[in-house]
N, C-alpha and C. Protein backbone atom coordinates (compact mmCIF):
# COMPACT_ATOMS: atom_id res chain seq x y z
N MET A 1 -2.77 -22.44 -23.31
CA MET A 1 -2.79 -22.12 -21.85
C MET A 1 -2.31 -21.02 -21.53
N GLN A 2 -3.13 -20.73 -20.27
CA GLN A 2 -2.64 -19.64 -19.50
C GLN A 2 -1.60 -19.75 -18.47
N ALA A 3 -0.83 -18.42 -18.34
CA ALA A 3 0.48 -18.56 -17.56
C ALA A 3 -0.18 -18.86 -16.08
N PRO A 4 0.74 -19.31 -15.61
CA PRO A 4 0.34 -19.48 -13.50
C PRO A 4 0.46 -17.99 -13.08
N ALA A 5 -0.65 -17.81 -12.69
CA ALA A 5 -0.86 -16.73 -11.84
C ALA A 5 0.49 -16.50 -10.74
N LYS A 6 1.91 -15.34 -10.64
CA LYS A 6 2.82 -15.17 -9.92
C LYS A 6 2.85 -14.36 -8.86
N TYR A 7 1.67 -13.34 -8.93
CA TYR A 7 1.86 -12.13 -8.41
C TYR A 7 -0.21 -11.95 -8.10
N LEU A 8 0.04 -11.91 -6.82
CA LEU A 8 -1.80 -11.25 -6.29
C LEU A 8 -1.44 -10.18 -5.93
N VAL A 9 -2.07 -9.11 -5.96
CA VAL A 9 -1.93 -7.80 -5.87
C VAL A 9 -3.26 -6.91 -5.38
N ILE A 10 -3.44 -6.80 -3.87
CA ILE A 10 -4.39 -6.71 -3.46
C ILE A 10 -4.51 -4.64 -3.11
N ILE A 11 -5.66 -4.25 -3.90
CA ILE A 11 -5.36 -2.63 -4.42
C ILE A 11 -6.86 -1.91 -4.32
N ASP A 12 -6.85 -0.53 -3.66
CA ASP A 12 -7.95 -0.14 -3.57
C ASP A 12 -8.65 0.55 -4.97
N SER A 13 -10.16 0.14 -5.38
CA SER A 13 -10.30 0.54 -6.80
C SER A 13 -11.49 1.21 -6.28
N ASP A 14 -12.10 2.27 -6.04
CA ASP A 14 -12.92 3.66 -6.10
C ASP A 14 -13.95 2.45 -4.51
N GLY A 15 -12.58 2.92 -3.97
CA GLY A 15 -13.33 2.57 -2.48
C GLY A 15 -13.72 1.28 -1.96
N ALA A 16 -13.61 0.18 -2.60
CA ALA A 16 -13.78 -1.13 -1.88
C ALA A 16 -12.20 -2.01 -2.67
N ALA A 17 -11.75 -3.06 -1.98
CA ALA A 17 -10.43 -3.63 -2.29
C ALA A 17 -11.02 -4.82 -3.04
N THR A 18 -10.01 -4.88 -4.62
CA THR A 18 -9.91 -5.86 -5.17
C THR A 18 -8.12 -6.39 -5.06
N ALA A 19 -8.77 -7.75 -5.93
CA ALA A 19 -7.73 -8.79 -5.52
C ALA A 19 -7.47 -8.78 -7.72
N MET A 20 -6.05 -8.51 -7.39
CA MET A 20 -5.59 -9.13 -8.97
C MET A 20 -4.74 -10.00 -9.29
N LEU A 21 -4.50 -11.13 -10.41
CA LEU A 21 -3.29 -11.63 -9.97
C LEU A 21 -3.20 -11.81 -11.66
N PHE A 22 -1.66 -11.70 -11.31
CA PHE A 22 -1.07 -10.75 -12.75
C PHE A 22 0.30 -12.61 -12.80
N ASP A 23 0.43 -13.30 -14.35
CA ASP A 23 1.45 -14.04 -14.55
C ASP A 23 2.79 -12.66 -14.14
N ALA A 24 4.21 -14.10 -14.56
CA ALA A 24 5.10 -13.89 -14.76
C ALA A 24 5.54 -12.21 -14.67
N GLN A 25 5.02 -12.27 -16.61
CA GLN A 25 5.18 -10.75 -17.26
C GLN A 25 4.53 -9.76 -17.00
N ARG A 26 3.58 -9.95 -15.89
CA ARG A 26 2.80 -8.98 -14.92
C ARG A 26 1.54 -8.40 -16.04
N ARG A 27 1.41 -9.60 -16.57
CA ARG A 27 -0.29 -9.49 -17.50
C ARG A 27 -1.31 -10.25 -16.40
N ARG A 28 -2.30 -9.10 -16.61
CA ARG A 28 -3.24 -9.74 -15.72
C ARG A 28 -4.07 -10.95 -15.80
N VAL A 29 -4.19 -11.71 -15.21
CA VAL A 29 -4.90 -13.14 -15.24
C VAL A 29 -6.29 -12.83 -15.14
N ALA A 30 -6.27 -12.14 -13.51
CA ALA A 30 -7.89 -12.40 -13.46
C ALA A 30 -7.64 -11.26 -12.14
N ASP A 31 -9.30 -10.62 -11.62
CA ASP A 31 -9.29 -9.69 -10.86
C ASP A 31 -10.77 -10.23 -10.44
N PHE A 32 -10.97 -9.88 -8.70
CA PHE A 32 -11.90 -10.25 -7.96
C PHE A 32 -12.07 -9.37 -6.65
N ASP A 33 -13.09 -9.62 -5.73
CA ASP A 33 -13.72 -9.30 -4.73
C ASP A 33 -12.33 -9.31 -3.91
N ALA A 34 -11.40 -8.84 -3.51
CA ALA A 34 -10.27 -9.22 -1.91
C ALA A 34 -10.68 -9.79 -1.31
N GLY A 35 -12.52 -9.62 -0.63
CA GLY A 35 -12.69 -10.02 0.47
C GLY A 35 -13.16 -11.83 0.33
N THR A 36 -12.90 -12.32 -0.09
CA THR A 36 -13.27 -13.65 -0.75
C THR A 36 -12.00 -14.55 -0.13
N GLU A 37 -12.66 -15.64 0.16
CA GLU A 37 -11.58 -16.61 1.24
C GLU A 37 -10.47 -17.47 0.31
N GLU A 38 -10.86 -17.13 -1.23
CA GLU A 38 -9.73 -17.68 -1.56
C GLU A 38 -8.68 -16.29 -2.10
N VAL A 39 -8.72 -15.40 -1.79
CA VAL A 39 -7.55 -14.45 -1.15
C VAL A 39 -6.83 -14.90 -0.48
N ALA A 40 -7.60 -14.98 0.98
CA ALA A 40 -7.18 -15.54 2.09
C ALA A 40 -6.43 -16.60 2.09
N VAL A 41 -7.06 -17.31 1.39
CA VAL A 41 -6.10 -19.03 1.57
C VAL A 41 -4.40 -18.82 0.27
N MET A 42 -4.63 -17.77 -0.58
CA MET A 42 -3.30 -17.76 -1.15
C MET A 42 -2.37 -16.76 -1.21
N ALA A 43 -2.96 -16.17 0.23
CA ALA A 43 -1.64 -15.01 1.41
C ALA A 43 -1.40 -15.78 2.09
N THR A 44 -1.84 -16.74 2.54
CA THR A 44 -1.43 -17.31 3.75
C THR A 44 -0.11 -17.85 3.76
N GLY A 45 0.93 -17.65 4.89
CA GLY A 45 2.71 -17.54 4.81
C GLY A 45 2.85 -16.56 4.21
N LEU A 46 2.60 -15.84 3.53
CA LEU A 46 3.14 -15.05 2.31
C LEU A 46 3.31 -13.25 3.10
N ARG A 47 4.36 -12.78 2.62
CA ARG A 47 4.66 -11.33 3.28
C ARG A 47 4.49 -10.61 2.30
N PRO A 48 3.48 -9.66 1.57
CA PRO A 48 3.17 -8.62 1.23
C PRO A 48 4.00 -7.76 1.07
N THR A 49 4.55 -6.95 -0.06
CA THR A 49 5.49 -5.69 -0.29
C THR A 49 4.63 -4.26 -0.66
N ARG A 50 5.07 -3.45 -0.96
CA ARG A 50 4.45 -2.59 -1.50
C ARG A 50 4.59 -1.97 -2.39
N SER A 51 5.09 -2.90 -3.79
CA SER A 51 6.14 -2.75 -4.66
C SER A 51 5.55 -1.92 -5.96
N ALA A 52 4.07 -1.93 -5.86
CA ALA A 52 3.13 -1.44 -6.69
C ALA A 52 3.15 -0.29 -7.71
N ALA A 53 4.18 0.86 -6.87
CA ALA A 53 4.60 1.93 -7.57
C ALA A 53 5.58 1.98 -8.06
N THR A 54 6.76 1.04 -8.18
CA THR A 54 7.35 0.54 -8.61
C THR A 54 7.43 0.90 -10.62
N ALA A 55 8.32 1.21 -11.58
CA ALA A 55 7.92 1.43 -12.58
C ALA A 55 7.88 0.04 -13.15
N GLU A 56 8.13 -1.41 -12.81
CA GLU A 56 7.99 -2.21 -13.62
C GLU A 56 6.64 -2.89 -13.14
N TRP A 57 5.51 -2.34 -12.04
CA TRP A 57 4.17 -2.38 -12.30
C TRP A 57 3.53 -1.31 -13.52
N ASP A 58 3.74 -0.37 -14.20
CA ASP A 58 3.19 0.73 -14.53
C ASP A 58 2.37 0.31 -15.53
N ARG A 59 3.12 -0.50 -16.41
CA ARG A 59 1.46 -0.91 -17.45
C ARG A 59 0.79 -1.90 -16.86
N ALA A 60 0.90 -2.44 -16.06
CA ALA A 60 -0.19 -3.48 -15.40
C ALA A 60 -0.99 -2.68 -14.58
N LEU A 61 -0.81 -1.97 -13.67
CA LEU A 61 -1.56 -0.77 -12.81
C LEU A 61 -1.78 0.18 -13.64
N ALA A 62 -1.72 0.84 -14.91
CA ALA A 62 -2.03 1.52 -15.52
C ALA A 62 -3.00 3.03 -14.81
N GLY A 63 -4.17 1.79 -15.18
CA GLY A 63 -5.74 2.44 -14.44
C GLY A 63 -5.69 3.15 -12.87
N SER A 64 -4.93 2.40 -12.47
CA SER A 64 -4.72 2.99 -10.65
C SER A 64 -3.87 4.14 -9.98
N THR A 65 -4.55 5.46 -9.82
CA THR A 65 -3.91 5.65 -9.11
C THR A 65 -2.53 5.94 -8.43
N ASP A 66 -1.87 6.83 -8.42
CA ASP A 66 -0.72 7.15 -7.51
C ASP A 66 -0.93 6.38 -6.11
N ALA A 67 -1.81 6.98 -5.68
CA ALA A 67 -2.11 6.39 -4.09
C ALA A 67 -2.29 5.13 -3.77
N ALA A 68 -3.24 4.50 -4.89
CA ALA A 68 -3.63 3.16 -4.54
C ALA A 68 -2.68 2.38 -5.24
N ARG A 69 -1.55 3.00 -5.96
CA ARG A 69 -0.68 1.75 -6.24
C ARG A 69 0.31 2.16 -4.51
N ALA A 70 0.74 2.79 -4.37
CA ALA A 70 1.30 3.17 -3.03
C ALA A 70 1.12 1.96 -2.05
N GLU A 71 -0.08 1.79 -1.88
CA GLU A 71 -0.57 1.22 -0.28
C GLU A 71 -1.04 -0.22 -1.43
N ALA A 72 -1.03 -0.40 -2.31
CA ALA A 72 -1.08 -1.78 -2.66
C ALA A 72 -0.06 -2.66 -1.69
N GLU A 73 -0.48 -4.13 -1.85
CA GLU A 73 -0.38 -5.13 -1.17
C GLU A 73 -0.09 -6.38 -2.55
N VAL A 74 1.33 -6.09 -2.52
CA VAL A 74 2.01 -7.34 -3.64
C VAL A 74 2.38 -8.61 -2.99
N TYR A 75 1.70 -10.04 -3.35
CA TYR A 75 2.54 -10.85 -2.73
C TYR A 75 3.11 -11.75 -4.10
N GLU A 76 3.98 -12.35 -3.67
CA GLU A 76 4.50 -12.82 -5.01
C GLU A 76 4.31 -14.88 -4.12
N LEU A 77 3.45 -15.06 -5.47
CA LEU A 77 2.88 -16.21 -5.37
C LEU A 77 3.84 -17.58 -4.96
N ASP A 78 3.55 -18.79 -4.96
CA ASP A 78 4.65 -19.95 -5.11
C ASP A 78 3.83 -20.41 -6.04
N VAL A 79 4.54 -20.78 -7.18
CA VAL A 79 4.30 -21.71 -8.40
C VAL A 79 5.21 -22.55 -9.28
């Protein structure tokens, strides 16, 4: 059974916003277009942080640039 998503990260990926879901250990669960209605629903009522550039995200976001990570929005989901 797959662990539930704890984090929603919206990050620029090659000029397009990508939404990524991660579990509590910051293992990627899914990724999809950030413009979908599902992203808006998941983020409703939550305040994002700009914490994707911290060391705890290094492994999970290893393929992203430093600039993209600094601008990424991180939402902690209610699970």
